[in-house]
Amino acid sequence: MFLKKITLGLTCVASISLSVFALEENLVNEDYRADIIKGAFKYAWKGYSTFAYGHDELRPITNGTTDSRNGWGASIFDALDTMIIMGLEDDYLRALDHIKTVDWKQSLEPSKTFETNIRYLGGLLSAYDLKGDKILLDKAKELAENVIMPAFRTSNGIPSAYVDVELQPVGGEEIVLAEFGSLQLELVRLSQLTGDPKYEIVGNSILEKISKVPSRIPGLYPMIWNLDPFMPENTYITISGGSDSYYEYLLKTHILMEGKEELQLDMWKTAVGSMHRYLRSETHGGKVYLAEFEEHYKLLQSGELVCFMPGNLLLGARYLQNKKVEAFALELMNSCYDVWDTPTGLAPETWSWIDKSQNISFYSEKMQLTMSEAGFLSQDTGYDLRPETIESLFYFYRITGDKTYQDKAWKIFEAIEKYCKTTSGYTRIADVTNQEDVQPLNFEESYFFAETLKYLYLMFTDPSYISLDEYVFNTEAHPFKLSTPIQVQAKEFS
């Protein structure tokens, strides 16, 4: 009996030692991966700094430049908080010198209200939350006054798509849901930081006006609208590009406002219920995607841009303690990740599928084979350095503590490193299905610094760092500090 007790004791000690070793190994592995991703940022930033500094984007194959976002240096503003998060102080100080010199009234083209709001204003506010340098908030307020607030000078207070250098709203009568409906998060945060309520008031007034417009499917709205009269122009409903961040911001603005508003949360819950009831589509192989609608037709097509939604759903599910929404989030997360199972390991921009309610034998043998092997059919085979699936993996890892999501994110990073890396940065590609020739497109979007690399890096840092309990991320992955912490993030990690 005594010997048996000793043996059991030794087994227990061995077990504890192995557990400690495994924990240390995991921590080393996480640090290693974080350092590699930080190295990828530094590599790309060196290319941008050498060949394109001050311009909006780098062409990373020819080392040329583009200025698609007014020529104010979009990559600098988008990368600002990533530099802070990664501890790249020298790069941050140089960026700060550039920011001080920007004149918002000098623009190469009319300012696109939405893009200026999420990239420039969002980047400044986030960096201020993280670093506290007064010039950041001063430039944010200056930008809002000179470029964003003039967009609201319309007959009904719905912001125009563009503002010209004369500070007048321009852009015609056609407006896009994601663009006019995704301004509130940044404007609310600006009001919180400055103490001036006018930004929050105009931002949230948009949602009040949307809520009064009847929708054919409860909570879901068409992508294209008329500015005046303020009504949908067609019946095309999608959760992907053109509509995506509208739904994202409903939940996040409620959280940023400490739960003190109810309208946007109710709009989010109604929209999510309709997504599940009307847009959810399951294949014969059990994959679940979000379809689209036009007129009375359910369109079995989607794309990478919709893959932010699993993370948004999981955030809302844990915030509201709703298991049904969490289950919905999980099935969408699994299917979004499965789309990356291509010859290059990179997801196509868009894809289609066959719903399980359809008779698959009516389709060609090639289509049947594609569905049985992949579960989807690529439409646009390009990969634009997109972050959306990575973003959702980040939410799933931080909220559940399941480390398999880290491994999935790492696998995506390895594919980006293999097929998108150039001599001075990373580029979009045209064909994720062709390992021999991915057809590089010579363009490096600023969101690669703001979103893709930031979410990847944060996957492998201490979960308490930029915690989802303490920050809410805008659609460009710029984290805003919450006045009152919430509780959604897992407290213990195995």
Protein backbone atom coordinates (compact mmCIF):
# COMPACT_ATOMS: atom_id res chain seq x y z
CA MET A 1 0.00 0.00 0.00
CA PHE A 2 2.83 2.37 0.96
CA LEU A 3 4.66 1.69 -2.33
CA LYS A 4 1.46 2.25 -4.23
CA LYS A 5 1.01 5.63 -2.56
CA ILE A 6 4.57 6.63 -3.45
CA THR A 7 4.04 5.57 -7.05
CA LEU A 8 0.84 7.58 -7.27
CA GLY A 9 2.61 10.57 -5.76
CA LEU A 10 5.45 10.37 -8.27
CA THR A 11 2.95 10.08 -11.09
CA CYS A 12 1.23 13.19 -9.84
CA VAL A 13 4.55 15.10 -9.62
CA ALA A 14 5.45 14.00 -13.14
CA SER A 15 2.05 15.09 -14.36
CA ILE A 16 2.46 18.53 -12.80
CA SER A 17 5.96 18.88 -14.29
CA LEU A 18 4.70 18.00 -17.74
CA SER A 19 1.85 20.50 -17.38
CA VAL A 20 4.29 23.26 -16.39
CA PHE A 21 6.57 22.33 -19.29
CA ALA A 22 3.64 22.39 -21.72
CA LEU A 23 2.57 25.80 -20.40
CA GLU A 24 6.10 27.20 -20.79
CA GLU A 25 6.32 25.72 -24.28
CA ASN A 26 3.02 27.38 -25.24
CA LEU A 27 4.22 30.74 -23.92
CA VAL A 28 7.48 30.47 -25.85
CA ASN A 29 5.58 29.50 -28.96
CA GLU A 30 3.24 32.48 -28.57
CA ASP A 31 6.14 34.89 -28.04
CA TYR A 32 7.91 33.46 -31.06
CA ARG A 33 4.87 33.90 -33.28
CA ALA A 34 4.22 37.42 -32.01
CA ASP A 35 7.83 38.36 -32.77
CA ILE A 36 7.60 36.92 -36.28
CA ILE A 37 4.43 38.92 -37.00
CA LYS A 38 6.02 42.04 -35.54
CA GLY A 39 8.93 41.38 -37.88
CA ALA A 40 6.51 41.23 -40.82
CA PHE A 41 5.14 44.64 -39.84
CA LYS A 42 8.65 46.09 -39.55
CA TYR A 43 9.57 44.61 -42.93
CA ALA A 44 6.54 46.09 -44.66
CA TRP A 45 6.91 49.39 -42.82
CA LYS A 46 10.53 49.70 -43.93
CA GLY A 47 9.40 49.29 -47.54
CA TYR A 48 6.65 51.88 -47.14
CA SER A 49 8.98 54.27 -45.28
CA THR A 50 11.70 53.93 -47.92
CA PHE A 51 9.60 54.33 -51.03
CA ALA A 52 6.21 55.87 -50.14
CA TYR A 53 6.38 57.76 -46.84
CA GLY A 54 3.71 60.44 -46.69
CA HIS A 55 1.70 58.86 -49.52
CA ASP A 56 -1.39 56.80 -48.85
CA GLU A 57 -0.09 53.46 -50.13
CA LEU A 58 2.96 51.70 -51.50
CA ARG A 59 3.04 49.67 -54.70
CA PRO A 60 5.23 46.94 -53.24
CA ILE A 61 6.44 45.38 -56.48
CA THR A 62 7.45 48.48 -58.44
CA ASN A 63 8.05 50.64 -55.34
CA GLY A 64 5.66 53.22 -56.70
CA THR A 65 3.01 55.11 -54.73
CA THR A 66 -0.74 55.72 -54.75
CA ASP A 67 -2.89 58.31 -53.02
CA SER A 68 -6.36 56.79 -52.93
CA ARG A 69 -7.30 58.40 -49.56
CA ASN A 70 -6.68 62.13 -50.17
CA GLY A 71 -2.89 62.01 -50.05
CA TRP A 72 -2.65 62.65 -46.30
CA GLY A 73 -0.70 59.47 -45.64
CA ALA A 74 -3.42 56.89 -44.91
CA SER A 75 -0.93 54.13 -44.15
CA ILE A 76 0.68 56.29 -41.44
CA PHE A 77 -2.62 57.03 -39.71
CA ASP A 78 -3.82 53.44 -40.04
CA ALA A 79 -0.53 52.02 -38.73
CA LEU A 80 -0.18 54.48 -35.85
CA ASP A 81 -1.81 52.42 -33.10
CA THR A 82 -0.21 49.21 -34.38
CA MET A 83 3.20 50.84 -33.86
CA ILE A 84 2.20 51.75 -30.31
CA ILE A 85 0.87 48.26 -29.59
CA MET A 86 4.06 46.68 -30.96
CA GLY A 87 6.30 49.10 -29.07
CA LEU A 88 7.88 50.67 -32.17
CA GLU A 89 8.62 54.04 -30.58
CA ASP A 90 10.94 55.45 -33.27
CA ASP A 91 8.43 54.73 -36.02
CA TYR A 92 5.67 56.25 -33.90
CA LEU A 93 7.63 59.47 -33.27
CA ARG A 94 8.36 59.87 -36.96
CA ALA A 95 4.68 59.32 -37.74
CA LEU A 96 3.77 61.95 -35.15
CA ASP A 97 5.99 64.47 -36.94
CA HIS A 98 4.14 63.76 -40.19
CA ILE A 99 0.72 64.06 -38.55
CA LYS A 100 1.56 67.52 -37.20
CA THR A 101 2.10 68.80 -40.76
CA VAL A 102 -1.11 67.52 -42.36
CA ASP A 103 -3.47 70.24 -43.59
CA TRP A 104 -6.96 68.73 -43.88
CA LYS A 105 -8.03 71.50 -46.24
CA GLN A 106 -5.38 70.47 -48.76
CA SER A 107 -6.64 67.35 -50.51
CA LEU A 108 -5.93 65.66 -53.82
CA GLU A 109 -9.62 64.82 -54.16
CA PRO A 110 -12.91 65.14 -52.27
CA SER A 111 -12.75 63.34 -48.95
CA LYS A 112 -14.79 60.16 -48.73
CA THR A 113 -16.65 60.62 -45.46
CA PHE A 114 -16.68 56.97 -44.40
CA GLU A 115 -13.05 56.18 -45.21
CA THR A 116 -11.80 59.40 -43.62
CA ASN A 117 -13.82 58.60 -40.51
CA ILE A 118 -12.68 55.01 -39.97
CA ARG A 119 -9.04 55.40 -41.03
CA TYR A 120 -7.94 58.93 -40.15
CA LEU A 121 -10.28 59.87 -37.29
CA GLY A 122 -10.33 56.32 -35.95
CA GLY A 123 -6.54 56.06 -36.10
CA LEU A 124 -6.02 59.34 -34.27
CA LEU A 125 -8.54 58.58 -31.52
CA SER A 126 -7.15 55.11 -30.92
CA ALA A 127 -3.57 56.34 -30.76
CA TYR A 128 -4.69 59.01 -28.29
CA ASP A 129 -6.39 56.39 -26.12
CA LEU A 130 -3.20 54.31 -26.14
CA LYS A 131 -0.56 57.04 -25.90
CA GLY A 132 -2.24 60.23 -24.69
CA ASP A 133 -0.28 62.73 -26.80
CA LYS A 134 -2.42 65.87 -26.98
CA ILE A 135 -1.60 66.59 -30.63
CA LEU A 136 -3.49 63.43 -31.60
CA LEU A 137 -6.75 64.63 -30.09
CA ASP A 138 -6.19 68.15 -31.45
CA LYS A 139 -5.75 66.79 -34.99
CA ALA A 140 -8.78 64.52 -34.54
CA LYS A 141 -10.98 67.43 -33.57
CA GLU A 142 -9.57 69.54 -36.40
CA LEU A 143 -10.31 66.74 -38.86
CA ALA A 144 -13.86 66.32 -37.59
CA GLU A 145 -14.59 70.04 -37.81
CA ASN A 146 -13.04 70.57 -41.23
CA VAL A 147 -13.88 67.39 -43.11
CA ILE A 148 -16.44 65.14 -41.40
CA MET A 149 -18.99 67.51 -39.87
CA PRO A 150 -19.47 69.38 -43.19
CA ALA A 151 -20.81 66.09 -44.63
CA PHE A 152 -23.90 66.57 -42.45
CA ARG A 153 -24.80 69.88 -44.17
CA THR A 154 -27.51 68.22 -46.20
CA SER A 155 -31.25 68.86 -46.33
CA ASN A 156 -32.03 66.07 -43.85
CA GLY A 157 -28.82 65.68 -41.86
CA ILE A 158 -27.86 62.38 -43.50
CA PRO A 159 -24.14 62.70 -44.34
CA SER A 160 -23.06 62.95 -47.95
CA ALA A 161 -20.63 60.46 -49.41
CA TYR A 162 -17.92 63.08 -49.99
CA VAL A 163 -16.79 66.53 -48.81
CA ASP A 164 -14.84 68.75 -51.20
CA VAL A 165 -11.92 71.06 -50.41
CA GLU A 166 -14.39 73.94 -50.08
CA LEU A 167 -15.91 72.00 -47.17
CA GLN A 168 -19.20 71.38 -48.95
CA PRO A 169 -20.97 68.02 -49.12
CA VAL A 170 -20.76 66.39 -52.55
CA GLY A 171 -21.35 62.99 -54.05
CA GLY A 172 -24.81 62.97 -55.58
CA GLU A 173 -27.99 61.39 -54.29
CA GLU A 174 -26.86 57.75 -54.10
CA ILE A 175 -25.42 56.68 -50.76
CA VAL A 176 -24.27 53.34 -49.35
CA LEU A 177 -25.55 51.81 -46.09
CA ALA A 178 -22.15 50.88 -44.63
CA GLU A 179 -20.82 54.34 -45.39
CA PHE A 180 -23.49 56.62 -43.95
CA GLY A 181 -24.49 54.08 -41.28
CA SER A 182 -21.02 53.45 -39.81
CA LEU A 183 -19.94 56.83 -38.45
CA GLN A 184 -21.27 56.70 -34.91
CA LEU A 185 -18.51 54.80 -33.12
CA GLU A 186 -15.79 57.34 -33.92
CA LEU A 187 -18.05 60.35 -33.35
CA VAL A 188 -19.25 59.00 -30.00
CA ARG A 189 -15.66 58.46 -28.89
CA LEU A 190 -14.72 61.98 -30.00
CA SER A 191 -17.55 63.38 -27.88
CA GLN A 192 -16.42 61.31 -24.91
CA LEU A 193 -12.84 62.59 -25.21
CA THR A 194 -13.63 66.24 -25.92
CA GLY A 195 -16.73 66.62 -23.77
CA ASP A 196 -18.59 68.11 -26.73
CA PRO A 197 -21.84 66.14 -27.34
CA LYS A 198 -22.45 67.43 -30.88
CA TYR A 199 -20.43 64.68 -32.57
CA GLU A 200 -22.32 61.92 -30.79
CA ILE A 201 -25.64 63.61 -31.52
CA VAL A 202 -25.14 63.82 -35.29
CA GLY A 203 -23.64 60.33 -35.47
CA ASN A 204 -26.42 58.62 -33.58
CA SER A 205 -29.14 60.65 -35.31
CA ILE A 206 -28.40 58.67 -38.48
CA LEU A 207 -29.46 55.46 -36.75
CA GLU A 208 -32.60 57.07 -35.39
CA LYS A 209 -33.57 58.00 -38.95
CA ILE A 210 -32.76 54.54 -40.31
CA SER A 211 -34.91 52.94 -37.61
CA LYS A 212 -37.95 54.80 -38.92
CA VAL A 213 -37.61 53.41 -42.46
CA PRO A 214 -39.69 50.25 -43.05
CA SER A 215 -37.71 47.14 -44.00
CA ARG A 216 -39.01 44.15 -45.94
CA ILE A 217 -36.93 41.83 -43.78
CA PRO A 218 -36.96 43.00 -40.13
CA GLY A 219 -33.75 44.81 -39.26
CA LEU A 220 -32.06 44.18 -42.62
CA TYR A 221 -31.75 47.04 -45.10
CA PRO A 222 -30.79 47.31 -48.76
CA MET A 223 -27.26 48.47 -49.53
CA ILE A 224 -28.06 51.41 -51.85
CA TRP A 225 -30.13 54.38 -50.64
CA ASN A 226 -31.24 57.77 -51.87
CA LEU A 227 -30.02 60.73 -49.86
CA ASP A 228 -33.21 62.75 -50.34
CA PRO A 229 -35.80 61.40 -49.92
CA PHE A 230 -34.02 59.14 -47.45
CA MET A 231 -35.16 55.72 -48.67
CA PRO A 232 -33.63 52.52 -50.09
CA GLU A 233 -33.12 52.70 -53.84
CA ASN A 234 -33.29 48.96 -54.50
CA THR A 235 -33.92 45.65 -52.74
CA TYR A 236 -30.40 44.18 -52.66
CA ILE A 237 -29.59 43.03 -49.12
CA THR A 238 -26.16 41.78 -48.08
CA ILE A 239 -24.10 41.62 -44.89
CA SER A 240 -20.93 41.85 -46.97
CA GLY A 241 -19.18 44.88 -48.46
CA GLY A 242 -21.40 47.93 -48.73
CA SER A 243 -23.45 46.98 -45.66
CA ASP A 244 -21.11 45.14 -43.29
CA SER A 245 -19.94 47.76 -40.79
CA TYR A 246 -23.46 49.16 -40.36
CA TYR A 247 -24.44 45.96 -38.51
CA GLU A 248 -21.08 45.78 -36.73
CA TYR A 249 -21.44 49.28 -35.25
CA LEU A 250 -24.94 48.78 -33.82
CA LEU A 251 -23.59 46.49 -31.11
CA LYS A 252 -20.26 48.24 -30.61
CA THR A 253 -21.74 51.71 -30.19
CA HIS A 254 -24.07 50.38 -27.50
CA ILE A 255 -21.05 48.91 -25.70
CA LEU A 256 -18.99 52.10 -26.08
CA MET A 257 -21.87 54.10 -24.61
CA GLU A 258 -21.85 51.89 -21.49
CA GLY A 259 -25.23 50.39 -22.39
CA LYS A 260 -26.91 53.79 -21.99
CA GLU A 261 -28.68 53.56 -25.33
CA GLU A 262 -31.17 50.86 -26.30
CA LEU A 263 -32.17 51.62 -29.89
CA GLN A 264 -29.00 50.39 -31.58
CA LEU A 265 -28.81 47.24 -29.47
CA ASP A 266 -32.44 46.45 -30.35
CA MET A 267 -31.65 47.07 -34.03
CA TRP A 268 -28.68 44.69 -33.78
CA LYS A 269 -30.72 41.95 -32.11
CA THR A 270 -33.48 42.26 -34.72
CA ALA A 271 -30.95 42.15 -37.56
CA VAL A 272 -29.19 39.08 -36.14
CA GLY A 273 -32.51 37.28 -35.75
CA SER A 274 -33.29 37.94 -39.41
CA MET A 275 -29.83 36.86 -40.53
CA HIS A 276 -30.45 33.52 -38.88
CA ARG A 277 -33.99 33.16 -40.17
CA TYR A 278 -33.67 34.50 -43.71
CA LEU A 279 -29.99 34.57 -44.74
CA ARG A 280 -28.57 31.46 -43.12
CA SER A 281 -27.88 28.80 -45.74
CA GLU A 282 -26.55 25.31 -45.11
CA THR A 283 -24.86 23.15 -47.73
CA HIS A 284 -25.23 19.40 -48.21
CA GLY A 285 -21.90 19.06 -46.41
CA GLY A 286 -23.02 21.06 -43.38
CA LYS A 287 -21.23 24.34 -44.05
CA VAL A 288 -23.19 27.47 -43.12
CA TYR A 289 -22.95 30.76 -45.00
CA LEU A 290 -24.83 34.04 -45.02
CA ALA A 291 -26.69 34.42 -48.31
CA GLU A 292 -27.94 37.65 -49.88
CA PHE A 293 -31.38 38.78 -51.02
CA GLU A 294 -32.70 40.65 -54.02
CA GLU A 295 -36.41 41.04 -54.67
CA HIS A 296 -37.75 37.66 -53.53
CA TYR A 297 -34.65 35.68 -54.46
CA LYS A 298 -32.13 34.25 -52.04
CA LEU A 299 -28.70 34.59 -53.64
CA LEU A 300 -26.29 31.86 -52.61
CA GLN A 301 -23.16 33.99 -52.69
CA SER A 302 -20.94 35.62 -50.12
CA GLY A 303 -17.37 36.75 -49.56
CA GLU A 304 -14.49 37.35 -47.18
CA LEU A 305 -15.85 40.74 -46.16
CA VAL A 306 -18.76 39.05 -44.36
CA CYS A 307 -16.38 37.00 -42.21
CA PHE A 308 -16.09 39.71 -39.57
CA MET A 309 -19.59 38.67 -38.55
CA PRO A 310 -18.73 35.52 -36.54
CA GLY A 311 -16.59 37.64 -34.22
CA ASN A 312 -19.25 40.33 -33.92
CA LEU A 313 -21.89 37.70 -33.15
CA LEU A 314 -19.73 36.05 -30.51
CA LEU A 315 -19.01 39.41 -28.87
CA GLY A 316 -22.75 40.10 -28.73
CA ALA A 317 -23.56 36.58 -27.59
CA ARG A 318 -21.22 36.77 -24.61
CA TYR A 319 -22.25 40.34 -23.83
CA LEU A 320 -25.93 39.32 -23.81
CA GLN A 321 -25.38 35.75 -22.56
CA ASN A 322 -27.23 34.35 -25.58
CA LYS A 323 -26.30 30.74 -26.39
CA LYS A 324 -28.33 30.63 -29.61
CA VAL A 325 -26.40 33.54 -31.08
CA GLU A 326 -23.14 31.95 -29.93
CA ALA A 327 -24.02 28.72 -31.77
CA PHE A 328 -24.78 30.77 -34.89
CA ALA A 329 -21.43 32.53 -34.54
CA LEU A 330 -19.58 29.22 -34.27
CA GLU A 331 -21.04 27.66 -37.39
CA LEU A 332 -20.27 30.79 -39.40
CA MET A 333 -16.74 30.90 -37.97
CA ASN A 334 -16.05 27.31 -38.99
CA SER A 335 -17.32 27.86 -42.52
CA CYS A 336 -15.43 31.14 -42.97
CA TYR A 337 -12.20 29.42 -41.97
CA ASP A 338 -12.89 26.43 -44.22
CA VAL A 339 -12.98 28.77 -47.24
CA TRP A 340 -9.23 29.27 -46.76
CA ASP A 341 -8.73 25.63 -47.76
CA THR A 342 -7.50 26.50 -51.26
CA PRO A 343 -4.27 25.48 -53.03
CA THR A 344 -2.51 28.56 -51.58
CA GLY A 345 -4.23 28.52 -48.20
CA LEU A 346 -5.70 31.96 -48.92
CA ALA A 347 -9.42 32.71 -49.18
CA PRO A 348 -11.02 33.95 -52.39
CA GLU A 349 -12.71 37.34 -52.31
CA THR A 350 -16.14 35.84 -53.12
CA TRP A 351 -17.73 32.40 -53.50
CA SER A 352 -21.03 30.62 -54.07
CA TRP A 353 -22.53 27.26 -53.06
CA ILE A 354 -25.50 24.88 -53.32
CA ASP A 355 -28.03 24.89 -50.49
CA LYS A 356 -29.02 21.54 -48.99
CA SER A 357 -32.63 22.22 -49.97
CA GLN A 358 -31.60 22.06 -53.64
CA ASN A 359 -31.32 18.87 -55.66
CA ILE A 360 -27.57 18.66 -56.21
CA SER A 361 -28.00 16.13 -59.03
CA PHE A 362 -29.39 18.93 -61.21
CA TYR A 363 -25.92 20.50 -61.31
CA SER A 364 -22.96 19.54 -63.47
CA GLU A 365 -20.62 16.77 -62.34
CA LYS A 366 -17.87 19.36 -61.93
CA MET A 367 -20.03 21.46 -59.62
CA GLN A 368 -21.05 18.40 -57.62
CA LEU A 369 -17.41 17.40 -57.25
CA THR A 370 -16.42 20.91 -56.19
CA MET A 371 -19.16 20.98 -53.56
CA SER A 372 -18.25 17.55 -52.21
CA GLU A 373 -14.53 18.41 -51.98
CA ALA A 374 -14.47 22.10 -51.02
CA GLY A 375 -18.05 22.92 -50.09
CA PHE A 376 -18.01 26.14 -52.12
CA LEU A 377 -17.15 27.50 -55.56
CA SER A 378 -14.73 30.42 -55.87
CA GLN A 379 -16.03 33.36 -57.89
CA ASP A 380 -13.54 36.19 -57.49
CA THR A 381 -10.30 34.31 -56.83
CA GLY A 382 -8.36 37.33 -55.60
CA TYR A 383 -7.02 37.86 -52.07
CA ASP A 384 -6.77 41.51 -51.06
CA LEU A 385 -4.76 41.06 -47.82
CA ARG A 386 -8.13 40.90 -46.07
CA PRO A 387 -8.34 40.68 -42.25
CA GLU A 388 -11.97 39.64 -41.67
CA THR A 389 -11.54 35.93 -40.93
CA ILE A 390 -8.43 36.71 -38.87
CA GLU A 391 -10.48 39.28 -36.97
CA SER A 392 -13.11 36.69 -36.07
CA LEU A 393 -10.43 34.18 -35.08
CA PHE A 394 -9.05 36.85 -32.73
CA TYR A 395 -12.46 37.29 -31.08
CA PHE A 396 -12.96 33.55 -30.80
CA TYR A 397 -9.55 33.03 -29.21
CA ARG A 398 -9.85 35.91 -26.77
CA ILE A 399 -13.45 35.12 -25.78
CA THR A 400 -13.27 31.31 -25.58
CA GLY A 401 -9.61 30.76 -24.70
CA ASP A 402 -9.41 27.96 -27.30
CA LYS A 403 -5.85 27.93 -28.62
CA THR A 404 -6.80 26.12 -31.83
CA TYR A 405 -7.87 29.52 -33.12
CA GLN A 406 -4.29 30.70 -32.70
CA ASP A 407 -3.09 27.82 -34.86
CA LYS A 408 -5.62 28.67 -37.54
CA ALA A 409 -4.53 32.30 -37.58
CA TRP A 410 -0.89 31.25 -37.79
CA LYS A 411 -1.62 29.03 -40.76
CA ILE A 412 -3.21 32.00 -42.55
CA PHE A 413 -0.20 34.17 -41.74
CA GLU A 414 2.15 31.56 -43.19
CA ALA A 415 0.15 31.57 -46.44
CA ILE A 416 0.28 35.39 -46.60
CA GLU A 417 4.02 35.25 -46.00
CA LYS A 418 4.50 32.67 -48.75
CA TYR A 419 2.33 34.12 -51.51
CA CYS A 420 1.95 37.86 -50.85
CA LYS A 421 5.42 38.96 -49.74
CA THR A 422 7.48 41.11 -52.10
CA THR A 423 10.91 42.75 -51.88
CA SER A 424 9.43 45.76 -50.08
CA GLY A 425 6.12 44.70 -48.53
CA TYR A 426 3.03 42.59 -49.17
CA THR A 427 0.69 42.70 -52.14
CA ARG A 428 -2.80 41.77 -53.19
CA ILE A 429 -2.96 38.77 -55.50
CA ALA A 430 -5.42 37.78 -58.20
CA ASP A 431 -5.59 33.98 -57.99
CA VAL A 432 -5.59 31.98 -54.75
CA THR A 433 -6.21 28.79 -56.71
CA ASN A 434 -2.89 28.81 -58.59
CA GLN A 435 0.19 28.05 -56.53
CA GLU A 436 2.47 28.53 -59.53
CA ASP A 437 1.22 32.01 -60.42
CA VAL A 438 -0.88 33.94 -57.92
CA GLN A 439 -0.70 37.01 -60.19
CA PRO A 440 0.52 39.74 -57.81
CA LEU A 441 -1.45 42.99 -58.17
CA ASN A 442 1.14 45.46 -56.83
CA PHE A 443 -0.96 47.13 -54.13
CA GLU A 444 -0.65 47.22 -50.34
CA GLU A 445 -3.76 48.59 -48.63
CA SER A 446 -3.34 50.65 -45.45
CA TYR A 447 -5.66 48.22 -43.62
CA PHE A 448 -2.92 45.60 -43.88
CA PHE A 449 -1.07 47.61 -41.20
CA ALA A 450 -4.20 48.57 -39.27
CA GLU A 451 -6.09 45.30 -39.24
CA THR A 452 -4.43 42.22 -40.69
CA LEU A 453 -1.10 42.47 -38.88
CA LYS A 454 -2.58 43.96 -35.69
CA TYR A 455 -5.13 41.16 -35.21
CA LEU A 456 -2.47 38.56 -35.99
CA TYR A 457 -0.07 40.10 -33.48
CA LEU A 458 -2.69 40.36 -30.73
CA MET A 459 -3.55 36.66 -31.25
CA PHE A 460 -0.19 35.84 -29.65
CA THR A 461 0.09 38.43 -26.88
CA ASP A 462 -1.16 38.23 -23.30
CA PRO A 463 -4.98 38.30 -23.50
CA SER A 464 -5.05 41.10 -20.93
CA TYR A 465 -3.20 43.33 -23.42
CA ILE A 466 -5.78 45.46 -25.27
CA SER A 467 -8.44 43.30 -23.63
CA LEU A 468 -11.87 42.98 -25.19
CA ASP A 469 -13.21 43.77 -21.72
CA GLU A 470 -11.55 47.19 -21.87
CA TYR A 471 -11.53 48.16 -25.56
CA VAL A 472 -13.92 48.13 -28.50
CA PHE A 473 -12.42 48.00 -31.99
CA ASN A 474 -13.72 50.10 -34.85
CA THR A 475 -14.13 48.53 -38.28
CA GLU A 476 -10.53 49.44 -39.15
CA ALA A 477 -9.30 47.65 -35.99
CA HIS A 478 -8.58 50.86 -34.10
CA PRO A 479 -9.26 50.12 -30.39
CA PHE A 480 -11.17 52.69 -28.33
CA LYS A 481 -10.93 52.64 -24.54
CA LEU A 482 -14.16 51.76 -22.73
CA SER A 483 -15.13 54.03 -19.85
CA THR A 484 -16.69 51.04 -18.08
CA PRO A 485 -15.17 47.57 -18.67
CA ILE A 486 -17.40 44.71 -19.76
CA GLN A 487 -16.96 40.98 -19.18
CA VAL A 488 -16.78 38.91 -22.33
CA GLN A 489 -13.21 37.65 -22.40
CA ALA A 490 -12.21 34.27 -21.00
CA LYS A 491 -10.48 34.59 -17.64
CA GLU A 492 -8.61 31.29 -17.68
CA PHE A 493 -6.64 29.88 -20.58
CA SER A 494 -5.58 26.28 -20.90
